[in-house]
Amino acid sequence: MKKNHTILVVDDENGVRQSFNMVLKDVYNVLLADSGKQAIDIFTRNKVDLILLDILLPDTGGLDLLEKFKETDPNTEIIMVTAVNEIQTAVKAIKLGAYEYIIKPFVVDDVLIVIKRAMEKRSLVKEVAYLKDELERYHSFEKMVGKDENMRKIFELISIVSQSDGTVLIQGESGTGKELVARAIHNRGLRHEEPFVVINCAAIPATLMESKIFGHNRGAFTGATHTSIGKLEIGDKGTIFLDDIDSLDINMQAKLLRIIQEKEFERLGSTKVIKVDVRFVASSNKDLKDLISQEKFREDLYYRLAVFPIELPPLKERKGDISLLLNHFLQLNAKNTGKPPKRFSKEAVQILMEYDWPGNVRELQNLVERLFTITKGSVIHLKDISTFDIGKRGIKDMTLKQAVSTFEKNYISEILEKVNGNRKKAAERLGIHRNTLLSKTIELAPNTNK
């Protein structure tokens, strides 16, 4: 039998030490000490999970030793053992961090139960510490939330890529968080103290694109009444994020390729060459290779950008993150609004996890914000989520019975709301007897224990 835990027995009576050893040795690794000095020496050299510590020792007080052990390793569980039943001593021991206080002579079964509970507590503390570390590593990585294996790989790739200065191409559906990835690369990189400049290629008209990127001198074109620096100069020494780069026309793509290669350009209306030191990160929600085959995107620009390609998975491919994201955005809304926190019921989470989320994380975030705002109670139930909230409806794997039940719940809730909860009027509108409506509303009543 593998022994996973080690117990240190500290007692100056050999009979007590041997008794504990006989009781515990089949399940635990047992170490024995007859003095405080020996106990400290053993504790320093070994990984100890729990200590059975006598109050009265020949060379030191048990309470003093308790404090030293806790200072060295606060997670070590300590059970005080004494022949003297003194309430004040017991209270002081507990305040100093002892798990329990047992009196000699003791009942073996009672001691084993106390030890088992103490070990369970220690295991729980370790598990919480592990989960906290996991949350810090993955669940809130540069404002991105996820524990799915695909996202873990993305987070690790970001950490690696950020230490380079090569161009990055981020591809994925709309709403998957491409700008968050770009910002994470910048924030973790060598240029994190320099500007992060976004160029939204889809939002800037083609006629203004060159002016926005390169800047212009006064008189460069009609309406250029003053000299203006472009985004490239603003981002010098930092990161330029080219969002929706697939929106650039072919001519602009050629000019951008030269800038990436040469790191120099000219303002409109000027012949002066301006050099910049920037890192380029680009994103696209379209398949650039497909656009290349259609001659809508330059192949040489694609390969110049895709030194480090990153493909973001859609939310439907990381459904294990949906409940995590739901809770994350609920907490975020509570924090931002100063309102009490809310949660989703088990049934609501289940139905939302079955939805395909064509708008990805952005769609989920918008839904949570809407439901947080309009839901009156502290729990968001299935009836609070209308078919319009989740896009009519995109839910797969629902049985006919589930679909009918969902519609019925939503419809009855809407009618009751329209008549301000008047069951008589609601029954008339629904064409059913009041008693039938009463039984259905009882079924609809949210279970607060869920």
Protein backbone atom coordinates (compact mmCIF):
# COMPACT_ATOMS: atom_id res chain seq x y z
CA MET A 1 0.00 0.00 0.00
CA LYS A 2 1.40 3.38 -1.03
CA LYS A 3 1.68 5.83 1.84
CA ASN A 4 1.03 9.36 0.57
CA HIS A 5 1.24 11.30 3.85
CA THR A 6 3.82 11.66 6.60
CA ILE A 7 3.03 12.19 10.27
CA LEU A 8 5.54 13.39 12.86
CA VAL A 9 4.84 12.25 16.44
CA VAL A 10 6.49 14.49 19.06
CA ASP A 11 6.26 13.15 22.64
CA ASP A 12 8.82 12.56 25.39
CA GLU A 13 7.07 9.35 26.51
CA ASN A 14 8.32 6.37 24.51
CA GLY A 15 5.14 4.43 25.20
CA VAL A 16 3.00 7.15 23.62
CA ARG A 17 5.29 7.41 20.57
CA GLN A 18 5.20 3.65 20.01
CA SER A 19 1.44 3.52 20.48
CA PHE A 20 0.94 6.13 17.78
CA ASN A 21 3.45 4.32 15.57
CA MET A 22 1.56 1.02 15.87
CA VAL A 23 -1.77 2.67 15.07
CA LEU A 24 -0.58 4.78 12.15
CA LYS A 25 2.24 2.90 10.39
CA ASP A 26 -0.01 0.82 8.10
CA VAL A 27 -1.52 3.94 6.51
CA TYR A 28 1.02 6.74 7.01
CA ASN A 29 4.77 7.27 7.03
CA VAL A 30 5.53 7.85 10.72
CA LEU A 31 8.46 9.84 12.11
CA LEU A 32 9.19 9.94 15.86
CA ALA A 33 10.79 12.65 18.03
CA ASP A 34 11.28 12.73 21.80
CA SER A 35 12.17 16.42 22.13
CA GLY A 36 11.61 19.81 20.55
CA LYS A 37 15.13 19.93 19.15
CA GLN A 38 14.81 16.55 17.49
CA ALA A 39 11.36 17.46 16.15
CA ILE A 40 12.67 20.65 14.51
CA ASP A 41 15.55 18.73 12.96
CA ILE A 42 13.21 16.06 11.51
CA PHE A 43 10.69 18.68 10.35
CA THR A 44 13.45 20.64 8.56
CA ARG A 45 14.76 17.58 6.72
CA ASN A 46 11.45 15.94 5.78
CA LYS A 47 8.16 16.77 4.11
CA VAL A 48 5.67 16.51 6.98
CA ASP A 49 1.91 16.70 6.45
CA LEU A 50 0.72 16.47 10.06
CA ILE A 51 2.25 16.68 13.53
CA LEU A 52 0.96 15.06 16.73
CA LEU A 53 2.55 17.42 19.25
CA ASP A 54 2.78 16.99 23.02
CA ILE A 55 2.14 20.13 25.06
CA LEU A 56 4.84 19.35 27.66
CA LEU A 57 8.35 18.57 26.35
CA PRO A 58 11.62 18.43 28.28
CA ASP A 59 13.42 21.18 26.34
CA THR A 60 10.64 23.48 25.09
CA GLY A 61 6.96 24.25 25.42
CA GLY A 62 4.62 22.61 22.91
CA LEU A 63 2.89 25.92 22.15
CA ASP A 64 6.23 27.57 21.35
CA LEU A 65 7.04 24.69 19.05
CA LEU A 66 3.61 25.01 17.44
CA GLU A 67 4.36 28.63 16.54
CA LYS A 68 7.74 27.69 15.01
CA PHE A 69 6.23 24.94 12.89
CA LYS A 70 3.46 27.25 11.64
CA GLU A 71 5.95 29.99 10.79
CA THR A 72 7.97 27.52 8.73
CA ASP A 73 5.00 25.91 6.96
CA PRO A 74 1.52 27.33 7.68
CA ASN A 75 -0.11 24.46 5.76
CA THR A 76 1.18 21.75 8.07
CA GLU A 77 -1.68 20.49 10.24
CA ILE A 78 -0.92 20.15 13.96
CA ILE A 79 -2.89 18.22 16.57
CA MET A 80 -1.95 19.01 20.17
CA VAL A 81 -1.77 16.07 22.58
CA THR A 82 -1.75 16.48 26.38
CA ALA A 83 -2.61 14.73 29.63
CA VAL A 84 -3.86 18.00 31.11
CA ASN A 85 -7.39 19.12 30.26
CA GLU A 86 -7.04 22.89 30.39
CA ILE A 87 -9.53 24.97 28.41
CA GLN A 88 -7.27 28.05 28.27
CA THR A 89 -4.39 26.03 26.84
CA ALA A 90 -6.66 24.41 24.27
CA VAL A 91 -8.06 27.77 23.18
CA LYS A 92 -4.57 29.26 22.85
CA ALA A 93 -3.41 26.27 20.80
CA ILE A 94 -6.32 26.66 18.38
CA LYS A 95 -5.66 30.40 18.05
CA LEU A 96 -2.03 29.66 17.22
CA GLY A 97 -3.15 27.43 14.36
CA ALA A 98 -3.59 23.95 15.83
CA TYR A 99 -6.21 21.87 14.03
CA GLU A 100 -7.41 20.02 17.13
CA TYR A 101 -6.63 19.33 20.80
CA ILE A 102 -6.88 15.77 22.19
CA ILE A 103 -6.53 14.49 25.73
CA LYS A 104 -4.56 11.46 26.98
CA PRO A 105 -5.56 8.71 27.34
CA PHE A 106 -7.24 8.77 23.96
CA VAL A 107 -9.52 6.44 22.03
CA VAL A 108 -7.71 5.17 18.95
CA ASP A 109 -10.72 5.41 16.64
CA ASP A 110 -11.39 9.00 17.71
CA VAL A 111 -7.79 9.98 16.99
CA LEU A 112 -7.87 8.32 13.57
CA ILE A 113 -11.02 10.27 12.69
CA VAL A 114 -9.41 13.57 13.73
CA ILE A 115 -6.26 12.75 11.72
CA LYS A 116 -8.33 11.84 8.66
CA ARG A 117 -10.23 15.13 8.82
CA ALA A 118 -7.02 17.09 9.25
CA MET A 119 -5.53 15.37 6.19
CA GLU A 120 -8.67 16.13 4.20
CA LYS A 121 -8.36 19.79 5.15
CA ARG A 122 -4.72 19.85 4.06
CA SER A 123 -5.62 18.23 0.73
CA LEU A 124 -8.39 20.78 0.22
CA VAL A 125 -6.02 23.68 0.93
CA LYS A 126 -3.58 22.30 -1.65
CA GLU A 127 -6.36 21.85 -4.18
CA VAL A 128 -7.57 25.42 -3.68
CA ALA A 129 -4.00 26.69 -4.09
CA TYR A 130 -3.67 24.68 -7.31
CA LEU A 131 -6.97 25.97 -8.69
CA LYS A 132 -6.01 29.53 -7.81
CA ASP A 133 -2.75 29.08 -9.66
CA GLU A 134 -4.61 27.64 -12.64
CA LEU A 135 -6.98 30.61 -12.62
CA GLU A 136 -4.08 33.03 -12.53
CA ARG A 137 -2.30 31.20 -15.34
CA TYR A 138 -5.16 30.53 -17.68
CA HIS A 139 -8.56 31.85 -16.65
CA SER A 140 -7.51 35.46 -16.62
CA PHE A 141 -4.67 35.63 -19.09
CA GLU A 142 -4.38 39.29 -20.13
CA LYS A 143 -8.18 39.74 -19.73
CA MET A 144 -8.82 36.53 -21.70
CA VAL A 145 -10.78 33.81 -19.93
CA GLY A 146 -10.48 30.10 -20.68
CA LYS A 147 -9.43 26.71 -19.36
CA ASP A 148 -10.08 24.72 -22.55
CA GLU A 149 -7.04 22.88 -23.88
CA ASN A 150 -7.15 24.92 -27.12
CA MET A 151 -7.02 28.15 -25.14
CA ARG A 152 -4.21 26.90 -22.93
CA LYS A 153 -2.16 26.32 -26.07
CA ILE A 154 -3.02 29.83 -27.27
CA PHE A 155 -1.93 31.34 -23.94
CA GLU A 156 1.35 29.42 -24.04
CA LEU A 157 1.93 30.46 -27.65
CA ILE A 158 1.31 34.12 -26.75
CA SER A 159 3.90 33.87 -23.98
CA ILE A 160 6.47 32.51 -26.43
CA VAL A 161 5.66 34.81 -29.35
CA SER A 162 5.66 37.93 -27.18
CA GLN A 163 9.37 37.51 -26.52
CA SER A 164 10.14 37.76 -30.23
CA ASP A 165 9.82 40.77 -32.50
CA GLY A 166 8.48 38.97 -35.57
CA THR A 167 5.18 39.74 -37.25
CA VAL A 168 2.08 37.93 -36.04
CA LEU A 169 -1.06 36.97 -37.95
CA ILE A 170 -4.12 36.24 -35.79
CA GLN A 171 -7.03 34.55 -37.56
CA GLY A 172 -10.45 33.59 -36.21
CA GLU A 173 -14.14 34.31 -36.42
CA SER A 174 -15.54 37.67 -35.35
CA GLY A 175 -15.89 37.95 -31.59
CA THR A 176 -13.20 35.42 -30.69
CA GLY A 177 -10.91 38.03 -29.11
CA LYS A 178 -8.26 38.76 -31.74
CA GLU A 179 -7.52 42.24 -30.40
CA LEU A 180 -7.15 40.83 -26.87
CA VAL A 181 -4.51 38.43 -28.20
CA ALA A 182 -2.71 41.28 -29.96
CA ARG A 183 -2.72 43.36 -26.77
CA ALA A 184 -1.49 40.39 -24.75
CA ILE A 185 1.45 39.94 -27.11
CA HIS A 186 2.28 43.63 -26.78
CA ASN A 187 1.83 43.76 -22.99
CA ARG A 188 4.08 40.75 -22.43
CA GLY A 189 6.67 41.77 -25.00
CA LEU A 190 9.79 43.89 -25.06
CA ARG A 191 7.79 46.91 -26.27
CA HIS A 192 5.18 46.87 -23.48
CA GLU A 193 6.09 50.38 -22.29
CA GLU A 194 5.65 51.80 -25.79
CA PRO A 195 2.40 52.58 -27.69
CA PHE A 196 -0.07 49.96 -28.89
CA VAL A 197 -1.73 51.53 -31.93
CA VAL A 198 -4.81 50.03 -33.58
CA ILE A 199 -5.51 50.54 -37.27
CA ASN A 200 -9.04 49.34 -38.00
CA CYS A 201 -8.68 48.57 -41.69
CA ALA A 202 -12.40 47.84 -42.13
CA ALA A 203 -13.54 51.11 -40.55
CA ILE A 204 -11.29 53.54 -42.43
CA PRO A 205 -12.46 54.50 -45.94
CA ALA A 206 -9.99 53.55 -48.69
CA THR A 207 -9.61 57.23 -49.68
CA LEU A 208 -8.40 58.11 -46.17
CA MET A 209 -6.33 55.00 -45.45
CA GLU A 210 -2.96 56.35 -46.61
CA SER A 211 -3.45 59.61 -44.72
CA LYS A 212 -4.38 57.77 -41.52
CA ILE A 213 -1.45 55.38 -41.72
CA PHE A 214 1.31 57.58 -43.18
CA GLY A 215 0.13 61.03 -42.17
CA HIS A 216 0.16 64.05 -44.51
CA ASN A 217 1.70 67.44 -44.95
CA ARG A 218 -0.30 70.63 -45.26
CA GLY A 219 -1.64 71.01 -48.81
CA ALA A 220 -1.08 67.35 -49.71
CA PHE A 221 -4.69 67.12 -50.89
CA THR A 222 -7.88 69.15 -50.87
CA GLY A 223 -8.85 69.79 -47.28
CA ALA A 224 -5.37 69.14 -45.85
CA THR A 225 -5.18 72.43 -43.95
CA HIS A 226 -2.51 71.30 -41.53
CA THR A 227 0.26 68.73 -41.22
CA SER A 228 -0.81 65.54 -39.46
CA ILE A 229 1.32 62.62 -38.34
CA GLY A 230 0.04 59.13 -39.11
CA LYS A 231 -0.45 56.07 -36.95
CA LEU A 232 2.94 54.66 -37.93
CA GLU A 233 4.74 57.62 -36.34
CA ILE A 234 2.46 57.50 -33.31
CA GLY A 235 3.34 53.83 -32.84
CA ASP A 236 7.10 54.26 -33.26
CA LYS A 237 8.98 51.86 -30.91
CA GLY A 238 5.69 50.14 -30.11
CA THR A 239 3.22 47.76 -31.76
CA ILE A 240 0.97 48.43 -34.75
CA PHE A 241 -2.15 46.26 -34.79
CA LEU A 242 -3.70 45.95 -38.26
CA ASP A 243 -7.24 44.80 -37.47
CA ASP A 244 -9.25 43.21 -40.32
CA ILE A 245 -6.29 43.44 -42.68
CA ASP A 246 -8.27 41.52 -45.31
CA SER A 247 -10.21 44.77 -45.91
CA LEU A 248 -7.19 46.54 -47.47
CA ASP A 249 -7.23 46.93 -51.24
CA ILE A 250 -4.42 45.42 -53.31
CA ASN A 251 -2.60 48.75 -53.83
CA MET A 252 -2.53 49.49 -50.12
CA GLN A 253 -1.37 45.93 -49.43
CA ALA A 254 1.69 46.55 -51.66
CA LYS A 255 2.57 49.74 -49.77
CA LEU A 256 2.11 48.00 -46.43
CA LEU A 257 4.40 45.16 -47.52
CA ARG A 258 7.19 47.66 -48.24
CA ILE A 259 6.75 49.30 -44.85
CA ILE A 260 6.94 45.95 -43.04
CA GLN A 261 10.08 45.04 -44.96
CA GLU A 262 11.88 48.39 -44.94
CA LYS A 263 10.41 50.04 -41.82
CA GLU A 264 10.27 53.36 -43.64
CA PHE A 265 7.66 55.49 -45.44
CA GLU A 266 6.86 59.03 -46.63
CA ARG A 267 4.03 61.27 -45.51
CA LEU A 268 1.56 62.26 -48.21
CA GLY A 269 2.81 65.46 -49.84
CA SER A 270 6.39 64.90 -48.68
CA THR A 271 9.52 63.25 -50.09
CA LYS A 272 11.22 62.92 -46.74
CA VAL A 273 11.78 59.32 -45.72
CA ILE A 274 10.68 58.58 -42.14
CA LYS A 275 12.06 55.50 -40.43
CA VAL A 276 10.07 53.71 -37.75
CA ASP A 277 10.81 50.84 -35.41
CA VAL A 278 7.54 48.98 -34.90
CA ARG A 279 6.27 45.45 -34.50
CA PHE A 280 3.35 44.49 -36.74
CA VAL A 281 0.49 42.29 -35.57
CA ALA A 282 -2.40 41.71 -37.98
CA SER A 283 -5.79 40.02 -37.72
CA SER A 284 -8.41 38.65 -40.09
CA ASN A 285 -11.77 36.94 -39.70
CA LYS A 286 -11.54 35.61 -43.26
CA ASP A 287 -9.44 32.83 -44.74
CA LEU A 288 -6.55 34.76 -46.28
CA LYS A 289 -5.40 31.76 -48.31
CA ASP A 290 -8.83 31.65 -49.89
CA LEU A 291 -8.55 35.38 -50.67
CA ILE A 292 -5.11 34.74 -52.20
CA SER A 293 -6.64 32.17 -54.57
CA GLN A 294 -9.21 34.81 -55.54
CA GLU A 295 -6.38 37.32 -56.10
CA LYS A 296 -7.85 39.59 -53.42
CA PHE A 297 -4.89 39.32 -51.07
CA ARG A 298 -1.17 39.36 -51.83
CA GLU A 299 0.56 36.07 -51.19
CA ASP A 300 3.88 37.76 -50.39
CA LEU A 301 2.17 39.95 -47.76
CA TYR A 302 0.50 36.91 -46.23
CA TYR A 303 3.82 35.11 -45.73
CA ARG A 304 5.45 38.30 -44.48
CA LEU A 305 2.73 38.63 -41.83
CA ALA A 306 2.44 34.98 -40.86
CA VAL A 307 5.86 34.57 -39.28
CA PHE A 308 3.90 33.61 -36.16
CA PRO A 309 0.38 32.45 -37.14
CA ILE A 310 -2.23 32.14 -34.36
CA GLU A 311 -5.63 30.54 -35.03
CA LEU A 312 -8.33 31.32 -32.46
CA PRO A 313 -11.02 28.66 -31.99
CA PRO A 314 -14.70 29.67 -32.11
CA LEU A 315 -16.62 29.39 -28.86
CA LYS A 316 -18.57 26.35 -30.12
CA GLU A 317 -15.24 24.46 -30.14
CA ARG A 318 -14.44 25.35 -26.52
CA LYS A 319 -17.80 24.80 -24.84
CA GLY A 320 -16.12 23.88 -21.58
CA ASP A 321 -15.36 27.60 -21.21
CA ILE A 322 -18.97 28.76 -21.54
CA SER A 323 -19.93 28.42 -17.86
CA LEU A 324 -16.61 30.04 -16.90
CA LEU A 325 -17.29 32.97 -19.23
CA LEU A 326 -20.87 33.35 -18.00
CA ASN A 327 -19.67 33.70 -14.41
CA HIS A 328 -16.77 35.94 -15.44
CA PHE A 329 -19.01 38.46 -17.20
CA LEU A 330 -21.58 38.37 -14.38
CA GLN A 331 -18.84 39.28 -11.91
CA LEU A 332 -17.53 41.94 -14.26
CA ASN A 333 -20.99 43.53 -14.57
CA ALA A 334 -21.45 43.46 -10.80
CA LYS A 335 -18.07 45.14 -10.32
CA ASN A 336 -18.66 47.77 -13.01
CA THR A 337 -22.17 48.68 -11.85
CA GLY A 338 -21.71 48.30 -8.09
CA LYS A 339 -24.80 46.07 -8.00
CA PRO A 340 -25.09 42.80 -6.05
CA PRO A 341 -23.69 39.73 -7.86
CA LYS A 342 -25.96 37.36 -9.77
CA ARG A 343 -25.70 33.80 -11.03
CA PHE A 344 -27.26 31.56 -13.66
CA SER A 345 -29.40 28.60 -12.64
CA LYS A 346 -28.24 25.11 -13.53
CA GLU A 347 -30.88 24.81 -16.26
CA ALA A 348 -29.96 28.18 -17.77
CA VAL A 349 -26.27 27.26 -17.92
CA GLN A 350 -27.13 23.93 -19.52
CA ILE A 351 -29.22 25.50 -22.29
CA LEU A 352 -26.59 28.19 -22.95
CA MET A 353 -23.88 25.54 -23.23
CA GLU A 354 -25.92 23.83 -25.96
CA TYR A 355 -26.07 27.03 -28.03
CA ASP A 356 -23.53 27.40 -30.86
CA TRP A 357 -22.75 31.10 -30.26
CA PRO A 358 -22.24 32.31 -33.86
CA GLY A 359 -21.14 35.68 -32.43
CA ASN A 360 -18.64 33.92 -30.14
CA VAL A 361 -17.45 35.51 -26.87
CA ARG A 362 -18.70 38.95 -27.89
CA GLU A 363 -22.24 37.62 -28.30
CA LEU A 364 -22.04 35.86 -24.92
CA GLN A 365 -20.72 39.01 -23.24
CA ASN A 366 -23.56 41.11 -24.67
CA LEU A 367 -26.16 38.56 -23.57
CA VAL A 368 -24.82 38.48 -20.00
CA GLU A 369 -24.80 42.27 -19.79
CA ARG A 370 -28.41 42.40 -20.99
CA LEU A 371 -29.61 39.67 -18.62
CA PHE A 372 -27.70 41.14 -15.68
CA THR A 373 -29.40 44.48 -16.28
CA ILE A 374 -33.00 43.36 -16.85
CA THR A 375 -33.26 40.37 -14.47
CA LYS A 376 -34.68 41.49 -11.14
CA GLY A 377 -33.67 38.55 -8.95
CA SER A 378 -30.22 37.34 -7.96
CA VAL A 379 -30.61 34.20 -10.07
CA ILE A 380 -31.05 34.23 -13.86
CA HIS A 381 -33.39 31.36 -14.69
CA LEU A 382 -34.26 29.62 -17.94
CA LYS A 383 -37.47 31.64 -18.19
CA ASP A 384 -35.42 34.85 -18.19
CA ILE A 385 -33.68 33.83 -21.42
CA SER A 386 -36.02 34.41 -24.34
CA THR A 387 -35.57 32.79 -27.73
CA PHE A 388 -34.56 36.22 -29.04
CA ASP A 389 -31.68 36.37 -26.54
CA ILE A 390 -30.01 33.42 -28.16
CA GLY A 391 -30.66 34.04 -31.77
CA LYS A 392 -33.73 31.96 -32.67
CA ARG A 393 -32.22 29.50 -31.61
CA GLY A 394 -29.21 27.56 -32.71
CA ILE A 395 -29.54 25.04 -29.89
CA LYS A 396 -28.76 21.49 -30.81
CA ASP A 397 -29.56 18.15 -29.19
CA MET A 398 -32.84 19.31 -27.62
CA THR A 399 -35.58 16.72 -27.48
CA LEU A 400 -39.04 17.72 -28.71
CA LYS A 401 -40.28 17.56 -25.13
CA GLN A 402 -37.53 19.96 -23.98
CA ALA A 403 -38.26 22.37 -26.84
CA VAL A 404 -42.02 22.36 -26.14
CA SER A 405 -41.41 22.81 -22.41
CA THR A 406 -39.02 25.70 -23.03
CA PHE A 407 -41.48 27.47 -25.31
CA GLU A 408 -44.35 26.92 -22.85
CA LYS A 409 -42.34 28.35 -19.95
CA ASN A 410 -41.30 31.41 -21.93
CA TYR A 411 -44.80 32.02 -23.31
CA ILE A 412 -46.58 31.71 -19.95
CA SER A 413 -43.99 33.97 -18.32
CA GLU A 414 -44.48 36.62 -21.02
CA ILE A 415 -48.30 36.52 -20.70
CA LEU A 416 -48.12 36.79 -16.90
CA GLU A 417 -45.78 39.73 -17.24
CA LYS A 418 -48.15 41.48 -19.67
CA VAL A 419 -51.11 41.17 -17.25
CA ASN A 420 -48.97 42.12 -14.22
CA GLY A 421 -49.23 38.66 -12.71
CA ASN A 422 -53.06 38.51 -12.82
CA ARG A 423 -53.68 34.75 -13.16
CA LYS A 424 -57.35 35.14 -14.09
CA LYS A 425 -56.53 37.40 -17.07
CA ALA A 426 -53.57 35.23 -18.01
CA ALA A 427 -55.72 32.08 -18.02
CA GLU A 428 -58.28 33.80 -20.24
CA ARG A 429 -55.58 34.84 -22.72
CA LEU A 430 -54.07 31.38 -22.70
CA GLY A 431 -57.45 29.68 -23.07
CA ILE A 432 -56.95 27.41 -20.07
CA HIS A 433 -58.57 27.04 -16.64
CA ARG A 434 -57.12 29.01 -13.72
CA ASN A 435 -56.33 25.75 -11.87
CA THR A 436 -54.38 24.51 -14.89
CA LEU A 437 -52.42 27.77 -15.00
CA LEU A 438 -51.78 27.52 -11.24
CA SER A 439 -50.29 24.05 -11.59
CA LYS A 440 -48.11 25.19 -14.49
CA THR A 441 -46.87 28.28 -12.64
CA ILE A 442 -45.94 26.06 -9.69
CA GLU A 443 -43.86 24.00 -12.11
CA LEU A 444 -42.36 27.23 -13.45
CA ALA A 445 -41.47 28.57 -10.00
CA PRO A 446 -37.67 28.76 -9.73
CA ASN A 447 -35.98 26.37 -7.34
CA THR A 448 -33.73 28.62 -5.26
CA ASN A 449 -31.70 25.63 -4.13
CA LYS A 450 -30.36 25.11 -7.60
